[in-house]
C-alpha atoms as a PDB file:
ATOM      1  CA  MET A   1      55.955 139.391-203.972  1.00  0.00           C
ATOM      2  CA  GLN A   2      58.201 142.399-204.373  1.00  0.00           C
ATOM      3  CA  ASN A   3      60.328 140.838-207.108  1.00  0.00           C
ATOM      4  CA  HIS A   4      57.214 140.061-209.104  1.00  0.00           C
ATOM      5  CA  LEU A   5      54.124 142.094-210.342  1.00  0.00           C
ATOM      6  CA  GLY A   6      51.484 139.541-208.772  1.00  0.00           C
ATOM      7  CA  VAL A   7      50.633 136.209-207.691  1.00  0.00           C
ATOM      8  CA  GLN A   8      48.347 133.648-208.855  1.00  0.00           C
ATOM      9  CA  ILE A   9      46.550 131.110-206.619  1.00  0.00           C
ATOM     10  CA  MET A  10      44.980 128.026-208.139  1.00  0.00           C
ATOM     11  CA  VAL A  11      42.476 126.359-206.104  1.00  0.00           C
ATOM     12  CA  GLU A  12      41.004 122.789-207.070  1.00  0.00           C
ATOM     13  CA  MET A  13      37.969 121.796-205.139  1.00  0.00           C
ATOM     14  CA  TYR A  14      36.969 118.213-205.266  1.00  0.00           C
ATOM     15  CA  GLY A  15      34.002 116.477-203.676  1.00  0.00           C
ATOM     16  CA  CYS A  16      31.517 119.476-204.088  1.00  0.00           C
ATOM     17  CA  ASP A  17      28.024 119.709-203.989  1.00  0.00           C
ATOM     18  CA  GLU A  18      26.778 118.994-207.604  1.00  0.00           C
ATOM     19  CA  SER A  19      23.593 120.860-207.401  1.00  0.00           C
ATOM     20  CA  VAL A  20      25.599 124.320-206.214  1.00  0.00           C
ATOM     21  CA  LEU A  21      28.048 123.891-209.078  1.00  0.00           C
ATOM     22  CA  ASP A  22      25.414 123.830-211.670  1.00  0.00           C
ATOM     23  CA  ASN A  23      23.532 127.096-210.238  1.00  0.00           C
ATOM     24  CA  PRO A  24      24.693 130.376-212.031  1.00  0.00           C
ATOM     25  CA  ASP A  25      22.902 132.603-209.546  1.00  0.00           C
ATOM     26  CA  PHE A  26      24.433 130.898-206.629  1.00  0.00           C
ATOM     27  CA  ILE A  27      27.685 130.696-208.221  1.00  0.00           C
ATOM     28  CA  GLU A  28      27.655 134.226-208.977  1.00  0.00           C
ATOM     29  CA  LYS A  29      26.678 135.524-205.356  1.00  0.00           C
ATOM     30  CA  THR A  30      29.073 133.219-203.784  1.00  0.00           C
ATOM     31  CA  MET A  31      32.037 134.360-205.942  1.00  0.00           C
ATOM     32  CA  VAL A  32      31.259 138.014-205.400  1.00  0.00           C
ATOM     33  CA  THR A  33      30.830 137.359-201.654  1.00  0.00           C
ATOM     34  CA  ALA A  34      34.016 135.483-201.652  1.00  0.00           C
ATOM     35  CA  ALA A  35      35.812 138.519-203.116  1.00  0.00           C
ATOM     36  CA  GLU A  36      34.267 140.756-200.501  1.00  0.00           C
ATOM     37  CA  LYS A  37      35.460 138.505-197.715  1.00  0.00           C
ATOM     38  CA  ALA A  38      39.218 138.819-199.313  1.00  0.00           C
ATOM     39  CA  LYS A  39      38.539 142.642-198.771  1.00  0.00           C
ATOM     40  CA  ALA A  40      38.769 143.093-202.851  1.00  0.00           C
ATOM     41  CA  THR A  41      36.925 145.831-204.530  1.00  0.00           C
ATOM     42  CA  VAL A  42      34.450 144.206-207.077  1.00  0.00           C
ATOM     43  CA  VAL A  43      34.392 146.048-210.236  1.00  0.00           C
ATOM     44  CA  GLN A  44      32.405 143.867-212.451  1.00  0.00           C
ATOM     45  CA  GLN A  45      31.223 140.416-212.772  1.00  0.00           C
ATOM     46  CA  PHE A  46      30.174 137.851-215.759  1.00  0.00           C
ATOM     47  CA  PHE A  47      28.896 134.421-215.308  1.00  0.00           C
ATOM     48  CA  HIS A  48      27.597 131.875-218.106  1.00  0.00           C
ATOM     49  CA  GLN A  49      26.083 128.497-217.671  1.00  0.00           C
ATOM     50  CA  PHE A  50      26.927 125.736-220.109  1.00  0.00           C
ATOM     51  CA  SER A  51      24.593 123.193-221.639  1.00  0.00           C
ATOM     52  CA  PRO A  52      24.072 120.603-220.546  1.00  0.00           C
ATOM     53  CA  TYR A  53      25.948 121.696-217.159  1.00  0.00           C
ATOM     54  CA  GLY A  54      28.494 123.699-215.616  1.00  0.00           C
ATOM     55  CA  VAL A  55      29.295 127.506-214.746  1.00  0.00           C
ATOM     56  CA  SER A  56      32.166 129.746-215.716  1.00  0.00           C
ATOM     57  CA  GLY A  57      32.608 133.144-214.521  1.00  0.00           C
ATOM     58  CA  THR A  58      34.937 135.995-213.712  1.00  0.00           C
ATOM     59  CA  VAL A  59      34.733 138.661-210.816  1.00  0.00           C
ATOM     60  CA  VAL A  60      36.868 141.486-212.098  1.00  0.00           C
ATOM     61  CA  ILE A  61      38.358 143.087-208.741  1.00  0.00           C
ATOM     62  CA  ALA A  62      40.458 146.349-208.666  1.00  0.00           C
ATOM     63  CA  GLU A  63      43.309 144.033-207.503  1.00  0.00           C
ATOM     64  CA  SER A  64      42.995 141.821-210.661  1.00  0.00           C
ATOM     65  CA  HIS A  65      40.420 138.997-210.941  1.00  0.00           C
ATOM     66  CA  ILE A  66      38.858 135.768-209.455  1.00  0.00           C
ATOM     67  CA  ASN A  67      37.484 133.248-211.925  1.00  0.00           C
ATOM     68  CA  ILE A  68      35.782 129.779-211.536  1.00  0.00           C
ATOM     69  CA  HIS A  69      34.795 127.038-213.770  1.00  0.00           C
ATOM     70  CA  THR A  70      32.698 124.136-212.553  1.00  0.00           C
ATOM     71  CA  TRP A  71      32.277 120.520-213.651  1.00  0.00           C
ATOM     72  CA  PRO A  72      29.062 119.489-211.464  1.00  0.00           C
ATOM     73  CA  GLU A  73      28.980 115.901-213.117  1.00  0.00           C
ATOM     74  CA  HIS A  74      32.560 115.595-211.447  1.00  0.00           C
ATOM     75  CA  HIS A  75      31.967 117.433-208.253  1.00  0.00           C
ATOM     76  CA  TYR A  76      34.908 119.462-209.095  1.00  0.00           C
ATOM     77  CA  ALA A  77      35.599 123.597-209.327  1.00  0.00           C
ATOM     78  CA  ALA A  78      38.432 125.144-210.426  1.00  0.00           C
ATOM     79  CA  VAL A  79      39.081 128.731-209.094  1.00  0.00           C
ATOM     80  CA  ASP A  80      41.978 131.140-209.885  1.00  0.00           C
ATOM     81  CA  ILE A  81      42.626 134.097-207.717  1.00  0.00           C
ATOM     82  CA  PHE A  82      45.073 136.681-209.327  1.00  0.00           C
ATOM     83  CA  THR A  83      46.252 139.896-207.378  1.00  0.00           C
ATOM     84  CA  CYS A  84      48.462 142.437-208.271  1.00  0.00           C
ATOM     85  CA  GLY A  85      48.530 143.710-204.675  1.00  0.00           C
ATOM     86  CA  GLU A  86      49.743 142.496-201.097  1.00  0.00           C
ATOM     87  CA  ASP A  87      46.411 143.376-199.386  1.00  0.00           C
ATOM     88  CA  LEU A  88      44.391 140.672-200.990  1.00  0.00           C
ATOM     89  CA  GLN A  89      42.959 138.211-198.115  1.00  0.00           C
ATOM     90  CA  ALA A  90      42.716 135.107-200.618  1.00  0.00           C
ATOM     91  CA  GLU A  91      42.666 132.434-197.640  1.00  0.00           C
ATOM     92  CA  ALA A  92      39.531 134.128-196.406  1.00  0.00           C
ATOM     93  CA  ALA A  93      37.850 133.843-199.977  1.00  0.00           C
ATOM     94  CA  ILE A  94      39.200 130.139-200.242  1.00  0.00           C
ATOM     95  CA  ASP A  95      37.704 129.152-196.822  1.00  0.00           C
ATOM     96  CA  PHE A  96      34.403 130.667-197.626  1.00  0.00           C
ATOM     97  CA  LEU A  97      34.187 128.906-201.003  1.00  0.00           C
ATOM     98  CA  LYS A  98      35.345 125.665-199.616  1.00  0.00           C
ATOM     99  CA  GLU A  99      32.459 125.951-197.152  1.00  0.00           C
ATOM    100  CA  SER A 100      29.797 127.085-199.687  1.00  0.00           C
ATOM    101  CA  PHE A 101      30.729 124.345-202.309  1.00  0.00           C
ATOM    102  CA  LYS A 102      31.047 121.616-199.484  1.00  0.00           C
ATOM    103  CA  ALA A 103      34.360 120.737-200.967  1.00  0.00           C
ATOM    104  CA  LYS A 104      35.769 117.598-199.361  1.00  0.00           C
ATOM    105  CA  LYS A 105      39.180 118.285-200.504  1.00  0.00           C
ATOM    106  CA  VAL A 106      40.980 121.498-201.604  1.00  0.00           C
ATOM    107  CA  LYS A 107      44.428 121.603-203.352  1.00  0.00           C
ATOM    108  CA  LEU A 108      46.253 124.988-203.616  1.00  0.00           C
ATOM    109  CA  SER A 109      49.113 126.213-205.785  1.00  0.00           C
ATOM    110  CA  ARG A 110      50.579 129.491-206.134  1.00  0.00           C
ATOM    111  CA  HIS A 111      52.626 131.149-209.036  1.00  0.00           C
ATOM    112  CA  LEU A 112      54.296 134.380-209.021  1.00  0.00           C
ATOM    113  CA  ARG A 113      53.720 136.071-212.127  1.00  0.00           C
ATOM    114  CA  GLY A 114      55.672 139.101-213.839  1.00  0.00           C
ATOM    115  CA  ASP A 115      59.483 138.486-212.562  1.00  0.00           C
ATOM    116  CA  ARG A 116      60.521 142.158-212.211  1.00  0.00           C
ATOM    117  CA  SER A 117      64.195 141.133-213.222  1.00  0.00           C
ATOM    118  CA  GLU A 118      62.975 139.907-216.675  1.00  0.00           C
ATOM    119  CA  LEU A 119      61.060 143.244-217.384  1.00  0.00           C
ATOM    120  CA  ILE A 120      62.346 145.772-219.696  1.00  0.00           C
ATOM    121  CA  ASP A 121      61.419 149.478-218.697  1.00  0.00           C
ATOM    122  CA  GLY A 122      59.632 151.348-221.018  1.00  0.00           C
ATOM    123  CA  ASP A 123      57.943 148.102-222.581  1.00  0.00           C
ATOM    124  CA  VAL A 124      54.481 148.766-223.838  1.00  0.00           C
END
């Protein structure tokens, strides 16, 4: 990641337990614990339950953030993990989330962000 400012890992979780995906308290506790398992420094969190169902939330970490959006009716959760450092143990968070949401299938994609060769020194 030396040539980039950060990495974003997009996690797609299929076949999740519908009841946990629509429980904002469970989602918040699980996401904070996932951040801790990744050895992240939790700064703040915010979660919102939608009507008729679904939860979205963000755990702001000193290393950047971890987001979630759930579609209980489709047994699906989308998680984004963004980090500006190289110490975050994202795999530990992903394994914990997969187990907690009882996901039957997980797909990952990684994207490097902030190509240093494109940056202009002094840009504000």
